[in-house]
Protein backbone atom coordinates (compact mmCIF):
# COMPACT_ATOMS: atom_id res chain seq x y z
CA MET A 1 142.04 149.90 58.26
CA SER A 2 145.11 151.25 56.46
CA VAL A 3 146.00 153.59 53.61
CA PRO A 4 144.87 152.11 50.20
CA ARG A 5 147.75 150.73 48.10
CA GLN A 6 146.83 152.86 45.04
CA GLN A 7 147.03 155.96 47.20
CA ILE A 8 150.49 155.05 48.27
CA MET A 9 151.63 154.24 44.72
CA SER A 10 150.36 157.51 43.49
CA ALA A 11 152.24 159.42 46.16
CA ILE A 12 155.44 157.61 45.32
CA THR A 13 155.13 158.48 41.60
CA GLU A 14 154.40 162.15 42.47
CA ALA A 15 157.34 162.26 44.88
CA ARG A 16 159.72 160.95 42.21
CA GLY A 17 158.39 163.60 39.85
CA THR A 18 159.13 166.52 42.18
CA SER A 19 162.82 165.49 42.75
CA PRO A 20 165.51 166.47 40.27
CA LYS A 21 168.14 163.90 39.48
CA ARG A 22 171.30 164.24 41.59
CA ASN A 23 174.74 162.67 41.43
CA PHE A 24 173.93 160.70 44.63
CA GLU A 25 171.17 158.25 45.47
CA GLN A 26 168.32 159.90 47.24
CA THR A 27 166.11 158.41 49.91
CA PHE A 28 162.38 158.33 50.32
CA GLU A 29 161.33 159.88 53.69
CA LEU A 30 158.01 159.63 55.52
CA ALA A 31 156.71 162.32 57.90
CA ILE A 32 153.74 161.32 60.00
CA ASN A 33 151.77 163.86 62.12
CA LEU A 34 149.77 162.45 65.06
CA ARG A 35 146.69 163.72 66.73
CA GLU A 36 144.58 163.23 69.91
CA LEU A 37 147.52 161.72 71.79
CA ASP A 38 148.80 163.43 74.95
CA MET A 39 152.51 163.22 74.28
CA LYS A 40 153.23 164.40 77.83
CA ARG A 41 152.21 160.93 78.92
CA PRO A 42 155.04 158.37 78.16
CA GLU A 43 152.58 155.60 77.32
CA ASN A 44 151.31 157.61 74.31
CA ARG A 45 154.70 158.18 72.87
CA VAL A 46 155.77 156.19 69.78
CA ASN A 47 158.78 153.98 70.28
CA LEU A 48 158.44 151.10 67.76
CA ARG A 49 160.98 148.85 66.05
CA VAL A 50 159.68 147.88 62.59
CA GLN A 51 161.09 145.24 60.22
CA LEU A 52 160.77 146.56 56.68
CA PRO A 53 160.22 143.80 54.03
CA ASN A 54 162.76 145.44 51.66
CA GLY A 55 165.08 147.36 54.08
CA ILE A 56 166.12 150.85 53.16
CA GLY A 57 169.64 150.14 51.82
CA GLY A 58 172.92 151.79 52.74
CA GLN A 59 172.78 150.89 56.43
CA LYS A 60 176.35 150.66 57.74
CA VAL A 61 176.81 147.97 60.53
CA LEU A 62 179.43 148.13 63.22
CA VAL A 63 179.85 145.14 65.59
CA PHE A 64 181.54 145.05 68.98
CA ALA A 65 182.89 141.57 69.34
CA SER A 66 185.83 139.35 70.18
CA GLY A 67 187.38 136.16 68.92
CA ASP A 68 185.20 133.89 66.76
CA LEU A 69 182.24 136.23 66.78
CA ALA A 70 184.40 139.07 65.49
CA LEU A 71 185.73 136.82 62.73
CA ARG A 72 182.22 135.66 61.76
CA ALA A 73 180.97 139.26 61.83
CA ARG A 74 183.54 140.27 59.30
CA ARG A 75 182.77 137.36 57.08
CA SER A 76 179.03 138.06 57.33
CA GLY A 77 179.29 141.51 55.88
CA ALA A 78 179.63 143.82 58.88
CA ASP A 79 181.10 147.09 57.67
CA ASP A 80 183.48 147.24 60.69
CA VAL A 81 184.30 145.41 63.93
CA ILE A 82 185.68 146.86 67.11
CA GLU A 83 187.38 144.32 69.35
CA PRO A 84 188.13 144.54 73.12
CA THR A 85 191.62 146.00 72.71
CA GLU A 86 190.33 148.91 70.59
CA LEU A 87 187.29 149.35 72.86
CA GLY A 88 189.65 149.82 75.81
CA GLU A 89 191.55 152.49 73.94
CA LEU A 90 188.31 154.35 73.07
CA ALA A 91 187.28 154.27 76.65
CA LYS A 92 190.24 156.62 77.40
CA ASP A 93 189.41 159.09 74.65
CA LYS A 94 185.82 160.34 74.31
CA LYS A 95 186.63 162.43 71.27
CA ALA A 96 188.22 159.53 69.37
CA ALA A 97 185.22 157.31 70.36
CA LYS A 98 182.73 159.84 68.97
CA LYS A 99 184.70 160.11 65.74
CA ARG A 100 185.07 156.32 65.41
CA LEU A 101 181.26 155.74 65.77
CA LYS A 102 179.84 158.63 63.82
CA ASP A 103 179.65 156.98 60.36
CA TYR A 104 177.59 153.98 61.32
CA ASP A 105 173.82 153.40 61.42
CA ILE A 106 173.44 150.01 63.16
CA PHE A 107 175.34 148.73 66.21
CA ILE A 108 175.45 145.11 67.47
CA SER A 109 177.47 143.98 70.52
CA GLU A 110 178.58 140.66 71.87
CA ALA A 111 176.62 140.42 75.14
CA PRO A 112 179.58 140.01 77.56
CA LEU A 113 180.97 143.25 76.18
CA MET A 114 177.83 145.24 76.77
CA PRO A 115 178.95 146.73 80.15
CA THR A 116 182.05 148.28 78.61
CA VAL A 117 180.24 149.24 75.34
CA GLY A 118 177.52 150.93 77.34
CA ARG A 119 180.10 152.96 79.19
CA VAL A 120 182.11 153.87 76.09
CA ALA A 121 179.36 154.16 73.48
CA GLY A 122 176.21 154.79 75.54
CA PRO A 123 176.70 158.57 75.91
CA ILE A 124 177.25 158.85 72.13
CA LEU A 125 174.69 156.34 70.83
CA GLY A 126 171.95 156.77 73.42
CA PRO A 127 170.88 160.22 72.38
CA ARG A 128 170.78 159.06 68.70
CA GLY A 129 168.50 156.13 69.71
CA LYS A 130 171.07 153.70 68.38
CA MET A 131 172.23 151.63 71.38
CA PRO A 132 173.79 148.29 70.25
CA THR A 133 171.64 145.18 70.06
CA PRO A 134 173.29 142.55 72.40
CA VAL A 135 173.75 139.00 70.97
CA PRO A 136 175.30 135.86 72.62
CA PRO A 137 178.79 134.93 71.51
CA GLN A 138 177.43 131.96 69.58
CA ALA A 139 174.70 133.81 67.78
CA PRO A 140 174.19 133.36 64.03
CA VAL A 141 175.54 136.83 63.38
CA ASP A 142 174.91 136.74 59.65
CA ASN A 143 171.19 136.49 60.39
CA VAL A 144 171.42 139.25 63.07
CA ILE A 145 173.12 141.62 60.65
CA GLU A 146 170.51 140.98 58.01
CA ARG A 147 167.67 141.43 60.44
CA GLU A 148 169.10 144.65 61.86
CA ARG A 149 169.65 146.10 58.34
CA ARG A 150 165.97 145.69 57.75
CA ALA A 151 164.83 147.33 60.95
CA ILE A 152 163.99 150.97 61.60
CA VAL A 153 162.94 152.71 64.76
CA LEU A 154 159.92 155.02 64.88
CA ARG A 155 160.25 157.47 67.81
CA SER A 156 158.10 160.48 68.61
CA ARG A 157 159.63 161.46 71.95
CA ASP A 158 157.32 164.27 73.30
CA LYS A 159 156.21 165.60 70.01
CA PRO A 160 153.19 164.37 67.91
CA PHE A 161 155.40 163.61 64.99
CA VAL A 162 157.38 160.73 63.52
CA HIS A 163 159.95 160.91 60.77
CA CYS A 164 161.76 157.98 59.06
CA LYS A 165 163.42 156.80 55.90
CA VAL A 166 161.40 154.26 53.89
CA GLY A 167 163.54 153.34 50.92
CA LYS A 168 166.15 154.28 48.32
CA GLU A 169 165.78 155.93 44.88
CA GLU A 170 166.85 152.71 43.08
CA MET A 171 164.10 150.63 44.75
CA THR A 172 160.95 149.87 42.81
CA ASP A 173 157.75 151.65 43.61
CA GLU A 174 156.35 148.34 44.82
CA GLN A 175 159.27 147.86 47.27
CA VAL A 176 158.84 151.38 48.68
CA ALA A 177 155.09 150.88 48.99
CA GLN A 178 155.55 147.64 50.89
CA ASN A 179 157.87 149.38 53.34
CA ILE A 180 155.33 152.20 53.87
CA GLU A 181 152.58 149.68 54.49
CA ALA A 182 154.70 147.96 57.07
CA ILE A 183 155.28 151.24 58.90
CA MET A 184 151.66 152.30 58.74
CA THR A 185 150.39 148.86 59.90
CA ASN A 186 152.75 148.80 62.92
CA LEU A 187 152.15 152.44 63.82
CA THR A 188 148.40 152.29 63.65
CA GLY A 189 148.44 148.95 65.49
CA SER A 190 150.21 150.60 68.36
CA THR A 191 147.90 153.66 68.87
CA LYS A 192 144.60 153.70 70.63
CA ARG A 193 142.44 154.70 67.59
CA GLY A 194 144.63 153.32 64.83
CA LEU A 195 144.35 155.54 61.77
CA GLY A 196 142.17 157.89 63.78
CA ASN A 197 145.31 158.97 65.63
CA ILE A 198 147.03 159.91 62.32
CA ARG A 199 146.51 163.56 61.32
CA SER A 200 148.50 163.44 58.03
CA VAL A 201 151.26 161.63 56.27
CA TYR A 202 153.68 163.15 53.77
CA LEU A 203 156.24 161.49 51.52
CA LYS A 204 159.23 163.12 49.93
CA MET A 205 162.61 162.33 48.35
CA SER A 206 165.79 163.84 49.73
CA MET A 207 165.83 166.82 47.32
CA GLY A 208 162.14 166.78 46.43
CA GLU A 209 158.93 168.35 47.60
CA SER A 210 156.63 166.87 50.20
CA VAL A 211 153.61 165.00 48.75
CA LYS A 212 150.55 164.35 50.84
CA LEU A 213 149.95 160.65 51.15
CA PHE A 214 147.17 160.71 53.69
């Protein structure tokens, strides 16, 4: 059982209507309140990686790589690449490392570099829930970048609440609806009582009012 498509479409239309036009592209954001789950128990906490059919757009990718993989990452549309020499320099300057990584949303690392990446970037990215995805040196990095750009992480920690972006203003209502359905299907599939563990769902745009979806 999931939320009816028409109900989702109506919420999207209403959310668009409550948000004034701005000189930047707004995002659609979903807030999900959970119920009847003891969040003090780690097994009840939400920690899901979901592939959205339409992505959310605007995700900036940084790849830690060397040699051929670094070259292919650049050619495949990575927004930036950090190679071993620069990584070594960042290891000596925590402030510089934090500044270097702050503008990126998605991180991918060549597997052999992960020990160093973990030491340098782990303290910065770990708390943000954005530790790099390791890939073999010969990985088809173009496919990996595309896959990672479509993925989001749903995380509740110890609170009965999940918040995530589900699309961009320029996307069609259908595309946003498909993304919402993917999130709801994965979330309800991971809880003991499915939709019964969802108290309420609200949708809003960046500068708009919250609209009750469920």
